[in-house]
Amino acid sequence: MKKNILLIGCLVVIASCGRYSKVVDLPKKDQMQENSRIYGEVDGPARQSKNTYPTPADAADQSARIKEILFNGKKPVSAPVAQEVSAPANAETAPVDSAATK
């Protein structure tokens, strides 16, 4: 039984390989110009980029409400800021002043 299921599965995989992996040439420029409904203006901007939408008056309030819902009132965790630690300088670890040695 397992052998039959494996055989049928292999046949399905082999049969589907050639069906979806065909190389399709890109349409030529004259074909694109003939079908402007699909390809839009040839060598021009996309039709969707021409659409502009006004910003709603409550955009800031709405984004704050969405942020509240997503983060549940918690502020996002940011990376800790490195702080300088001053250590006591002694003769061995004290930096050498190049002006003083001249």
C-alpha atoms as a PDB file:
ATOM      1  CA  MET A   1       0.000   0.000   0.000  1.00  0.00           C
ATOM      2  CA  LYS A   2       2.780   2.444   0.915  1.00  0.00           C
ATOM      3  CA  LYS A   3       4.579   1.529  -2.294  1.00  0.00           C
ATOM      4  CA  ASN A   4       1.496   2.425  -4.373  1.00  0.00           C
ATOM      5  CA  ILE A   5       1.062   5.789  -2.609  1.00  0.00           C
ATOM      6  CA  LEU A   6       4.729   6.577  -3.174  1.00  0.00           C
ATOM      7  CA  LEU A   7       4.453   5.608  -6.846  1.00  0.00           C
ATOM      8  CA  ILE A   8       1.356   7.789  -7.359  1.00  0.00           C
ATOM      9  CA  GLY A   9       3.024  10.698  -5.567  1.00  0.00           C
ATOM     10  CA  CYS A  10       6.124  10.414  -7.747  1.00  0.00           C
ATOM     11  CA  LEU A  11       3.983  10.319 -10.895  1.00  0.00           C
ATOM     12  CA  VAL A  12       2.144  13.486  -9.848  1.00  0.00           C
ATOM     13  CA  VAL A  13       5.411  15.304  -9.134  1.00  0.00           C
ATOM     14  CA  ILE A  14       6.991  14.218 -12.417  1.00  0.00           C
ATOM     15  CA  ALA A  15       3.867  15.136 -14.396  1.00  0.00           C
ATOM     16  CA  SER A  16       3.686  18.633 -12.892  1.00  0.00           C
ATOM     17  CA  CYS A  17       7.354  19.518 -13.416  1.00  0.00           C
ATOM     18  CA  GLY A  18       7.140  20.248 -17.132  1.00  0.00           C
ATOM     19  CA  ARG A  19       3.796  21.972 -16.933  1.00  0.00           C
ATOM     20  CA  TYR A  20       4.789  24.971 -14.833  1.00  0.00           C
ATOM     21  CA  SER A  21       8.450  25.429 -15.666  1.00  0.00           C
ATOM     22  CA  LYS A  22       8.126  26.504 -19.291  1.00  0.00           C
ATOM     23  CA  VAL A  23      10.217  29.480 -20.323  1.00  0.00           C
ATOM     24  CA  VAL A  24       7.981  32.267 -21.599  1.00  0.00           C
ATOM     25  CA  ASP A  25       9.484  35.084 -23.624  1.00  0.00           C
ATOM     26  CA  LEU A  26       8.702  38.619 -22.553  1.00  0.00           C
ATOM     27  CA  PRO A  27       6.269  40.430 -24.838  1.00  0.00           C
ATOM     28  CA  LYS A  28       7.766  42.764 -27.405  1.00  0.00           C
ATOM     29  CA  LYS A  29       7.226  46.520 -27.256  1.00  0.00           C
ATOM     30  CA  ASP A  30       4.677  46.508 -30.095  1.00  0.00           C
ATOM     31  CA  GLN A  31       2.678  43.776 -28.322  1.00  0.00           C
ATOM     32  CA  MET A  32       2.661  45.884 -25.184  1.00  0.00           C
ATOM     33  CA  GLN A  33       1.431  48.939 -27.082  1.00  0.00           C
ATOM     34  CA  GLU A  34      -1.417  46.931 -28.626  1.00  0.00           C
ATOM     35  CA  ASN A  35      -2.680  45.818 -25.213  1.00  0.00           C
ATOM     36  CA  SER A  36      -2.496  48.945 -23.066  1.00  0.00           C
ATOM     37  CA  ARG A  37      -5.158  47.643 -20.679  1.00  0.00           C
ATOM     38  CA  ILE A  38      -2.716  45.048 -19.381  1.00  0.00           C
ATOM     39  CA  TYR A  39       0.675  46.682 -19.873  1.00  0.00           C
ATOM     40  CA  GLY A  40      -0.281  50.345 -19.399  1.00  0.00           C
ATOM     41  CA  GLU A  41       1.781  53.050 -21.056  1.00  0.00           C
ATOM     42  CA  VAL A  42       4.953  51.574 -22.523  1.00  0.00           C
ATOM     43  CA  ASP A  43       8.091  53.138 -20.993  1.00  0.00           C
ATOM     44  CA  GLY A  44       5.893  55.246 -18.727  1.00  0.00           C
ATOM     45  CA  PRO A  45       4.971  55.158 -15.058  1.00  0.00           C
ATOM     46  CA  ALA A  46       2.589  52.558 -13.713  1.00  0.00           C
ATOM     47  CA  ARG A  47      -1.074  53.490 -13.670  1.00  0.00           C
ATOM     48  CA  GLN A  48      -1.248  52.992  -9.911  1.00  0.00           C
ATOM     49  CA  SER A  49       1.430  55.633  -9.330  1.00  0.00           C
ATOM     50  CA  LYS A  50      -0.877  58.295 -10.755  1.00  0.00           C
ATOM     51  CA  ASN A  51      -3.391  57.750  -7.948  1.00  0.00           C
ATOM     52  CA  THR A  52      -2.991  60.069  -4.997  1.00  0.00           C
ATOM     53  CA  TYR A  53      -5.037  59.956  -1.833  1.00  0.00           C
ATOM     54  CA  PRO A  54      -5.546  62.786   0.650  1.00  0.00           C
ATOM     55  CA  THR A  55      -4.257  62.303   4.178  1.00  0.00           C
ATOM     56  CA  PRO A  56      -7.177  62.040   6.607  1.00  0.00           C
ATOM     57  CA  ALA A  57      -7.430  64.645   9.345  1.00  0.00           C
ATOM     58  CA  ASP A  58      -7.251  62.038  12.114  1.00  0.00           C
ATOM     59  CA  ALA A  59      -4.212  60.178  10.723  1.00  0.00           C
ATOM     60  CA  ALA A  60      -2.044  60.842  13.788  1.00  0.00           C
ATOM     61  CA  ASP A  61      -4.772  59.738  16.206  1.00  0.00           C
ATOM     62  CA  GLN A  62      -5.501  56.642  14.165  1.00  0.00           C
ATOM     63  CA  SER A  63      -1.836  55.649  13.990  1.00  0.00           C
ATOM     64  CA  ALA A  64      -1.562  56.132  17.769  1.00  0.00           C
ATOM     65  CA  ARG A  65      -4.592  53.883  18.298  1.00  0.00           C
ATOM     66  CA  ILE A  66      -3.141  51.217  16.013  1.00  0.00           C
ATOM     67  CA  LYS A  67       0.206  51.419  17.817  1.00  0.00           C
ATOM     68  CA  GLU A  68      -1.610  51.014  21.127  1.00  0.00           C
ATOM     69  CA  ILE A  69      -3.404  47.921  19.841  1.00  0.00           C
ATOM     70  CA  LEU A  70      -0.262  46.353  18.362  1.00  0.00           C
ATOM     71  CA  PHE A  71       2.093  47.009  21.241  1.00  0.00           C
ATOM     72  CA  ASN A  72      -0.544  46.829  24.006  1.00  0.00           C
ATOM     73  CA  GLY A  73       0.705  49.961  25.717  1.00  0.00           C
ATOM     74  CA  LYS A  74       4.306  48.766  25.822  1.00  0.00           C
ATOM     75  CA  LYS A  75       7.078  50.780  24.339  1.00  0.00           C
ATOM     76  CA  PRO A  76       9.242  48.901  21.832  1.00  0.00           C
ATOM     77  CA  VAL A  77      12.484  47.639  23.312  1.00  0.00           C
ATOM     78  CA  SER A  78      15.480  49.531  22.007  1.00  0.00           C
ATOM     79  CA  ALA A  79      19.129  48.585  22.141  1.00  0.00           C
ATOM     80  CA  PRO A  80      20.879  49.632  25.346  1.00  0.00           C
ATOM     81  CA  VAL A  81      23.079  52.686  25.078  1.00  0.00           C
ATOM     82  CA  ALA A  82      26.745  52.114  25.847  1.00  0.00           C
ATOM     83  CA  GLN A  83      27.989  54.251  28.705  1.00  0.00           C
ATOM     84  CA  GLU A  84      31.544  55.300  29.343  1.00  0.00           C
ATOM     85  CA  VAL A  85      33.041  53.956  32.537  1.00  0.00           C
ATOM     86  CA  SER A  86      35.850  55.914  34.094  1.00  0.00           C
ATOM     87  CA  ALA A  87      38.513  53.905  35.842  1.00  0.00           C
ATOM     88  CA  PRO A  88      41.132  55.299  38.179  1.00  0.00           C
ATOM     89  CA  ALA A  89      44.337  55.992  36.286  1.00  0.00           C
ATOM     90  CA  ASN A  90      47.590  54.808  37.717  1.00  0.00           C
ATOM     91  CA  ALA A  91      51.101  55.016  36.293  1.00  0.00           C
ATOM     92  CA  GLU A  92      50.774  51.738  34.395  1.00  0.00           C
ATOM     93  CA  THR A  93      47.414  52.413  32.722  1.00  0.00           C
ATOM     94  CA  ALA A  94      47.537  56.198  32.408  1.00  0.00           C
ATOM     95  CA  PRO A  95      47.510  57.432  28.798  1.00  0.00           C
ATOM     96  CA  VAL A  96      50.723  59.018  27.636  1.00  0.00           C
ATOM     97  CA  ASP A  97      50.475  62.680  26.647  1.00  0.00           C
ATOM     98  CA  SER A  98      52.508  63.139  23.473  1.00  0.00           C
ATOM     99  CA  ALA A  99      53.005  66.889  24.134  1.00  0.00           C
ATOM    100  CA  ALA A 100      54.486  66.241  27.587  1.00  0.00           C
ATOM    101  CA  THR A 101      57.059  63.739  26.312  1.00  0.00           C
ATOM    102  CA  LYS A 102      58.585  66.151  23.779  1.00  0.00           C
END
